[in-house]
Each structure stands twice: as structure tokens, then as C-alpha cells.
Amino acid sequence: MASSSSSLLAIAMMATLLAVGSCGSALTLTIGKGSSPTSLVLVTNVAISEVSIKEKGAMDWSDDLKESPANTWTLKSKEPLKGPISVRFAVKNGGYRVVDDVIPAGFKLGSAYKTGVQI
């Protein structure tokens, strides 16, 4: 009897941990005011850090994004940005997350792109 009670308790605890662990917010990237073909302003719905982007065809990540208040990241480029653009960012619990080709070529001010990445 004790064995089946322990098993049920363990299953219930695992289900609770899985439910609590999946309650994070999905990261959404919104193209903010000031964006243009040579400037990208990303506004996030949750706090992230160390944001980098990779343009279409680029070999390396651009770490030139500057953080501003209110979950805003800005990149100014001398050349027009080439989409689709991938985004890499650090998360609180360590490590990086990458969202490939999340911002399309010809992005528009106010457009929001859901990443599906839970934070």
C-alpha cells in the first residue's frame, strides 16, 4: 500500500513541477518607434539581457545593440539591415536562447513577432 501511495505522490509532484515550470511568458519582440531600414528598435514584453542579432547571410552575431529603459534594445547600422533577422539573448537561469529568422525582411514599425520561447 505504501508503495502505491508513494508512487502517486511522486507522480502528483512531477505534474505540479511541470505545470509551474511552463507558466512563463512567451517572448514577443515588437518593432519600436525609431526603427528604419538602418535602425532596429526592439521592445520586449519581458526582461532579457545581452541581446545580439544576426542578419541574413551574416557569419557572426552583432553585439552592438544598446539597452534602454523599459525592455528596449536599439541597433544603429551604416547599411540597411538584411532580413530575416535572428535574435540571440541571455536568460536569467544561464545560457542563451536563439530565435532564428524571427524578424522578417521589410519589418514595419509596430509589428510584433511571437517567438514561442518561454521566459
N, C-alpha and C. Protein backbone atom coordinates (compact mmCIF):
# COMPACT_ATOMS: atom_id res chain seq x y z
N MET A 1 0.81 -1.19 0.00
CA MET A 1 0.00 0.00 0.00
C MET A 1 0.86 1.26 0.00
N ALA A 2 1.87 1.28 0.86
CA ALA A 2 2.73 2.46 0.96
C ALA A 2 3.43 2.73 -0.35
N SER A 3 3.78 1.68 -1.08
CA SER A 3 4.47 1.85 -2.34
C SER A 3 3.59 2.55 -3.37
N SER A 4 2.33 2.17 -3.48
CA SER A 4 1.45 2.82 -4.45
C SER A 4 1.14 4.25 -4.03
N SER A 5 1.03 4.51 -2.71
CA SER A 5 0.81 5.88 -2.23
C SER A 5 2.02 6.75 -2.56
N SER A 6 3.22 6.21 -2.38
CA SER A 6 4.45 6.95 -2.69
C SER A 6 4.53 7.24 -4.18
N SER A 7 4.14 6.26 -4.98
CA SER A 7 4.17 6.44 -6.44
C SER A 7 3.19 7.52 -6.87
N LEU A 8 2.00 7.50 -6.31
CA LEU A 8 1.01 8.51 -6.65
C LEU A 8 1.47 9.90 -6.22
N LEU A 9 2.08 9.99 -5.05
CA LEU A 9 2.59 11.26 -4.56
C LEU A 9 3.69 11.78 -5.49
N ALA A 10 4.58 10.90 -5.91
CA ALA A 10 5.67 11.29 -6.80
C ALA A 10 5.13 11.77 -8.14
N ILE A 11 4.12 11.10 -8.66
CA ILE A 11 3.51 11.50 -9.94
C ILE A 11 2.84 12.86 -9.80
N ALA A 12 2.13 13.06 -8.69
CA ALA A 12 1.46 14.34 -8.46
C ALA A 12 2.48 15.47 -8.34
N MET A 13 3.60 15.22 -7.67
CA MET A 13 4.63 16.24 -7.52
C MET A 13 5.26 16.58 -8.87
N MET A 14 5.52 15.58 -9.70
CA MET A 14 6.10 15.82 -11.02
C MET A 14 5.14 16.63 -11.89
N ALA A 15 3.86 16.31 -11.84
CA ALA A 15 2.87 17.06 -12.62
C ALA A 15 2.82 18.51 -12.18
N THR A 16 2.91 18.75 -10.88
CA THR A 16 2.91 20.11 -10.35
C THR A 16 4.14 20.87 -10.81
N LEU A 17 5.30 20.24 -10.74
CA LEU A 17 6.54 20.89 -11.18
C LEU A 17 6.49 21.24 -12.66
N LEU A 18 5.96 20.34 -13.47
CA LEU A 18 5.85 20.61 -14.91
C LEU A 18 4.89 21.75 -15.16
N ALA A 19 3.78 21.78 -14.46
CA ALA A 19 2.79 22.85 -14.66
C ALA A 19 3.37 24.20 -14.24
N VAL A 20 4.04 24.26 -13.11
CA VAL A 20 4.63 25.51 -12.63
C VAL A 20 5.75 25.94 -13.56
N GLY A 21 6.57 25.02 -14.03
CA GLY A 21 7.70 25.34 -14.89
C GLY A 21 7.30 25.88 -16.25
N SER A 22 6.08 25.60 -16.69
CA SER A 22 5.67 26.05 -18.01
C SER A 22 4.81 27.31 -17.95
N CYS A 23 4.77 27.98 -16.82
CA CYS A 23 3.92 29.15 -16.65
C CYS A 23 4.61 30.45 -17.05
N GLY A 24 5.79 30.41 -17.63
CA GLY A 24 6.49 31.63 -18.02
C GLY A 24 5.79 32.33 -19.17
N SER A 25 6.23 33.54 -19.44
CA SER A 25 5.68 34.31 -20.54
C SER A 25 6.46 34.00 -21.81
N ALA A 26 5.77 33.92 -22.92
CA ALA A 26 6.42 33.73 -24.21
C ALA A 26 6.99 35.08 -24.65
N LEU A 27 8.23 35.09 -25.08
CA LEU A 27 8.89 36.32 -25.51
C LEU A 27 8.27 36.82 -26.81
N THR A 28 7.89 38.10 -26.81
CA THR A 28 7.41 38.78 -28.00
C THR A 28 8.32 39.96 -28.28
N LEU A 29 8.73 40.11 -29.53
CA LEU A 29 9.58 41.22 -29.96
C LEU A 29 8.73 42.16 -30.80
N THR A 30 8.67 43.43 -30.39
CA THR A 30 7.90 44.43 -31.12
C THR A 30 8.86 45.44 -31.72
N ILE A 31 8.63 45.81 -32.98
CA ILE A 31 9.45 46.80 -33.65
C ILE A 31 9.02 48.18 -33.15
N GLY A 32 9.94 48.85 -32.45
CA GLY A 32 9.62 50.10 -31.78
C GLY A 32 9.84 51.35 -32.60
N LYS A 33 9.36 52.47 -32.05
CA LYS A 33 9.50 53.79 -32.65
C LYS A 33 10.97 54.11 -32.86
N GLY A 34 11.29 54.61 -34.03
CA GLY A 34 12.68 54.92 -34.37
C GLY A 34 13.30 53.88 -35.28
N SER A 35 12.59 52.79 -35.54
CA SER A 35 13.10 51.77 -36.45
C SER A 35 13.03 52.28 -37.89
N SER A 36 14.00 51.86 -38.68
CA SER A 36 14.08 52.22 -40.10
C SER A 36 14.90 51.14 -40.78
N PRO A 37 15.13 51.25 -42.08
CA PRO A 37 15.97 50.24 -42.72
C PRO A 37 17.38 50.13 -42.13
N THR A 38 17.88 51.22 -41.50
CA THR A 38 19.22 51.19 -40.92
C THR A 38 19.23 51.24 -39.39
N SER A 39 18.06 51.16 -38.78
CA SER A 39 17.96 51.22 -37.32
C SER A 39 16.88 50.25 -36.85
N LEU A 40 17.22 49.46 -35.86
CA LEU A 40 16.27 48.50 -35.32
C LEU A 40 16.07 48.78 -33.84
N VAL A 41 14.83 49.00 -33.45
CA VAL A 41 14.46 49.20 -32.05
C VAL A 41 13.56 48.03 -31.67
N LEU A 42 14.05 47.19 -30.76
CA LEU A 42 13.28 46.04 -30.30
C LEU A 42 12.75 46.31 -28.91
N VAL A 43 11.46 46.11 -28.72
CA VAL A 43 10.83 46.24 -27.42
C VAL A 43 10.33 44.85 -27.05
N THR A 44 10.74 44.37 -25.86
CA THR A 44 10.34 43.03 -25.44
C THR A 44 9.27 43.11 -24.35
N ASN A 45 8.46 42.08 -24.27
CA ASN A 45 7.41 42.04 -23.25
C ASN A 45 7.91 41.52 -21.91
N VAL A 46 9.12 40.99 -21.89
CA VAL A 46 9.75 40.51 -20.65
C VAL A 46 11.21 40.97 -20.65
N ALA A 47 11.81 41.03 -19.47
CA ALA A 47 13.21 41.46 -19.36
C ALA A 47 14.14 40.37 -19.87
N ILE A 48 15.03 40.74 -20.80
CA ILE A 48 16.08 39.85 -21.29
C ILE A 48 17.38 40.64 -21.26
N SER A 49 18.50 39.97 -21.49
CA SER A 49 19.78 40.68 -21.47
C SER A 49 20.71 40.14 -22.55
N GLU A 50 21.76 40.90 -22.79
CA GLU A 50 22.79 40.54 -23.77
C GLU A 50 22.20 40.16 -25.11
N VAL A 51 21.49 41.08 -25.72
CA VAL A 51 20.81 40.82 -26.99
C VAL A 51 21.78 41.02 -28.16
N SER A 52 21.76 40.07 -29.08
CA SER A 52 22.55 40.13 -30.32
C SER A 52 21.63 39.78 -31.48
N ILE A 53 21.98 40.25 -32.66
CA ILE A 53 21.23 39.85 -33.85
C ILE A 53 22.19 39.31 -34.91
N LYS A 54 21.63 38.52 -35.81
CA LYS A 54 22.39 38.04 -36.96
C LYS A 54 21.52 38.27 -38.19
N GLU A 55 22.04 39.05 -39.12
CA GLU A 55 21.32 39.33 -40.35
C GLU A 55 21.45 38.16 -41.32
N LYS A 56 20.57 38.14 -42.30
CA LYS A 56 20.61 37.10 -43.33
C LYS A 56 21.99 37.09 -43.98
N GLY A 57 22.59 35.92 -44.04
CA GLY A 57 23.88 35.75 -44.70
C GLY A 57 25.09 36.09 -43.84
N ALA A 58 24.87 36.64 -42.64
CA ALA A 58 25.99 37.02 -41.78
C ALA A 58 26.60 35.79 -41.12
N MET A 59 27.89 35.83 -40.89
CA MET A 59 28.58 34.73 -40.23
C MET A 59 28.60 34.92 -38.71
N ASP A 60 28.60 36.19 -38.26
CA ASP A 60 28.74 36.49 -36.85
C ASP A 60 27.52 37.24 -36.31
N TRP A 61 27.40 37.19 -34.98
CA TRP A 61 26.35 37.92 -34.28
C TRP A 61 26.80 39.35 -34.05
N SER A 62 25.90 40.31 -34.19
CA SER A 62 26.17 41.71 -33.90
C SER A 62 25.81 41.99 -32.45
N ASP A 63 26.81 42.38 -31.67
CA ASP A 63 26.59 42.68 -30.25
C ASP A 63 26.45 44.18 -30.02
N ASP A 64 26.10 44.92 -31.05
CA ASP A 64 26.06 46.37 -30.96
C ASP A 64 24.74 46.93 -30.43
N LEU A 65 23.82 46.09 -30.02
CA LEU A 65 22.55 46.59 -29.51
C LEU A 65 22.75 47.25 -28.15
N LYS A 66 22.17 48.41 -28.00
CA LYS A 66 22.28 49.18 -26.76
C LYS A 66 20.96 49.04 -26.00
N GLU A 67 21.09 48.77 -24.69
CA GLU A 67 19.90 48.63 -23.85
C GLU A 67 19.43 49.99 -23.37
N SER A 68 18.13 50.19 -23.43
CA SER A 68 17.49 51.40 -22.91
C SER A 68 16.48 50.96 -21.86
N PRO A 69 15.89 51.91 -21.16
CA PRO A 69 14.87 51.53 -20.17
C PRO A 69 13.67 50.85 -20.84
N ALA A 70 12.90 50.19 -20.03
CA ALA A 70 11.63 49.58 -20.45
C ALA A 70 11.80 48.48 -21.50
N ASN A 71 12.78 47.59 -21.29
CA ASN A 71 12.95 46.42 -22.16
C ASN A 71 13.11 46.79 -23.63
N THR A 72 13.93 47.79 -23.90
CA THR A 72 14.14 48.27 -25.26
C THR A 72 15.61 48.11 -25.65
N TRP A 73 15.84 47.60 -26.86
CA TRP A 73 17.18 47.39 -27.39
C TRP A 73 17.27 48.07 -28.75
N THR A 74 18.36 48.82 -28.99
CA THR A 74 18.49 49.59 -30.22
C THR A 74 19.80 49.27 -30.93
N LEU A 75 19.71 49.14 -32.25
CA LEU A 75 20.88 48.94 -33.11
C LEU A 75 20.83 49.97 -34.22
N LYS A 76 21.93 50.70 -34.39
CA LYS A 76 22.07 51.65 -35.49
C LYS A 76 23.14 51.10 -36.42
N SER A 77 22.81 51.03 -37.72
CA SER A 77 23.71 50.47 -38.71
C SER A 77 24.00 51.50 -39.79
N LYS A 78 25.16 51.37 -40.40
CA LYS A 78 25.50 52.26 -41.51
C LYS A 78 24.84 51.77 -42.80
N GLU A 79 24.59 50.48 -42.88
CA GLU A 79 23.98 49.87 -44.06
C GLU A 79 22.56 49.40 -43.71
N PRO A 80 21.68 49.28 -44.69
CA PRO A 80 20.36 48.72 -44.42
C PRO A 80 20.46 47.30 -43.86
N LEU A 81 19.63 47.00 -42.88
CA LEU A 81 19.62 45.67 -42.27
C LEU A 81 19.01 44.67 -43.24
N LYS A 82 19.59 43.47 -43.26
CA LYS A 82 19.12 42.42 -44.17
C LYS A 82 18.37 41.35 -43.40
N GLY A 83 17.08 41.23 -43.68
CA GLY A 83 16.27 40.21 -43.03
C GLY A 83 16.17 38.97 -43.88
N PRO A 84 15.70 37.91 -43.32
CA PRO A 84 15.20 37.81 -41.95
C PRO A 84 16.34 37.88 -40.93
N ILE A 85 15.99 38.37 -39.75
CA ILE A 85 16.96 38.60 -38.68
C ILE A 85 16.72 37.60 -37.55
N SER A 86 17.80 36.96 -37.11
CA SER A 86 17.75 36.06 -35.95
C SER A 86 18.14 36.85 -34.71
N VAL A 87 17.60 36.46 -33.55
CA VAL A 87 17.88 37.14 -32.29
C VAL A 87 18.42 36.14 -31.28
N ARG A 88 19.49 36.54 -30.58
CA ARG A 88 20.07 35.72 -29.50
C ARG A 88 20.07 36.57 -28.24
N PHE A 89 19.71 35.96 -27.11
CA PHE A 89 19.68 36.70 -25.85
C PHE A 89 19.99 35.77 -24.69
N ALA A 90 20.48 36.38 -23.60
CA ALA A 90 20.78 35.64 -22.38
C ALA A 90 19.53 35.55 -21.52
N VAL A 91 19.41 34.46 -20.79
CA VAL A 91 18.29 34.29 -19.86
C VAL A 91 18.82 34.22 -18.44
N LYS A 92 17.94 34.53 -17.48
CA LYS A 92 18.34 34.62 -16.07
C LYS A 92 18.98 33.34 -15.54
N ASN A 93 18.43 32.19 -15.91
CA ASN A 93 18.93 30.93 -15.35
C ASN A 93 20.19 30.44 -16.06
N GLY A 94 20.76 31.26 -16.91
CA GLY A 94 22.01 30.91 -17.57
C GLY A 94 21.80 30.44 -18.99
N GLY A 95 22.78 30.65 -19.79
CA GLY A 95 22.72 30.22 -21.17
C GLY A 95 22.06 31.24 -22.08
N TYR A 96 22.04 30.89 -23.34
CA TYR A 96 21.46 31.76 -24.35
C TYR A 96 20.33 31.03 -25.06
N ARG A 97 19.43 31.81 -25.59
CA ARG A 97 18.36 31.29 -26.45
C ARG A 97 18.51 31.98 -27.79
N VAL A 98 18.26 31.25 -28.85
CA VAL A 98 18.33 31.79 -30.21
C VAL A 98 16.98 31.57 -30.88
N VAL A 99 16.49 32.62 -31.51
CA VAL A 99 15.26 32.53 -32.29
C VAL A 99 15.64 32.87 -33.71
N ASP A 100 15.68 31.86 -34.57
CA ASP A 100 16.12 32.04 -35.95
C ASP A 100 15.05 32.73 -36.80
N ASP A 101 15.49 33.68 -37.61
CA ASP A 101 14.65 34.34 -38.62
C ASP A 101 13.33 34.85 -38.07
N VAL A 102 13.35 35.43 -36.86
CA VAL A 102 12.11 35.87 -36.22
C VAL A 102 11.62 37.21 -36.77
N ILE A 103 12.53 38.07 -37.23
CA ILE A 103 12.14 39.38 -37.77
C ILE A 103 12.33 39.32 -39.29
N PRO A 104 11.25 39.45 -40.04
CA PRO A 104 11.35 39.29 -41.49
C PRO A 104 11.99 40.50 -42.17
N ALA A 105 12.41 40.30 -43.41
CA ALA A 105 12.89 41.42 -44.22
C ALA A 105 11.72 42.38 -44.38
N GLY A 106 12.01 43.67 -44.40
CA GLY A 106 10.95 44.66 -44.58
C GLY A 106 10.07 44.80 -43.35
N PHE A 107 10.65 44.60 -42.15
CA PHE A 107 9.88 44.74 -40.92
C PHE A 107 9.27 46.15 -40.84
N LYS A 108 8.13 46.23 -40.16
CA LYS A 108 7.42 47.50 -40.07
C LYS A 108 7.23 47.93 -38.62
N LEU A 109 7.24 49.22 -38.39
CA LEU A 109 7.03 49.80 -37.08
C LEU A 109 5.74 49.26 -36.47
N GLY A 110 5.83 48.84 -35.22
CA GLY A 110 4.66 48.34 -34.50
C GLY A 110 4.38 46.86 -34.68
N SER A 111 5.06 46.22 -35.61
CA SER A 111 4.85 44.78 -35.81
C SER A 111 5.36 44.01 -34.61
N ALA A 112 4.62 42.98 -34.20
CA ALA A 112 5.02 42.15 -33.07
C ALA A 112 5.24 40.73 -33.56
N TYR A 113 6.33 40.14 -33.09
CA TYR A 113 6.70 38.79 -33.51
C TYR A 113 6.82 37.91 -32.27
N LYS A 114 5.94 36.93 -32.17
CA LYS A 114 5.96 36.00 -31.04
C LYS A 114 7.00 34.93 -31.32
N THR A 115 7.84 34.66 -30.31
CA THR A 115 8.93 33.72 -30.50
C THR A 115 8.61 32.31 -30.08
N GLY A 116 7.68 32.14 -29.17
CA GLY A 116 7.38 30.81 -28.63
C GLY A 116 8.36 30.40 -27.53
N VAL A 117 9.38 31.22 -27.26
CA VAL A 117 10.36 30.94 -26.23
C VAL A 117 9.78 31.38 -24.88
N GLN A 118 9.66 30.45 -23.94
CA GLN A 118 9.13 30.76 -22.61
C GLN A 118 10.24 31.32 -21.73
N ILE A 119 9.98 32.43 -21.08
CA ILE A 119 10.96 33.07 -20.19
C ILE A 119 10.44 32.98 -18.77
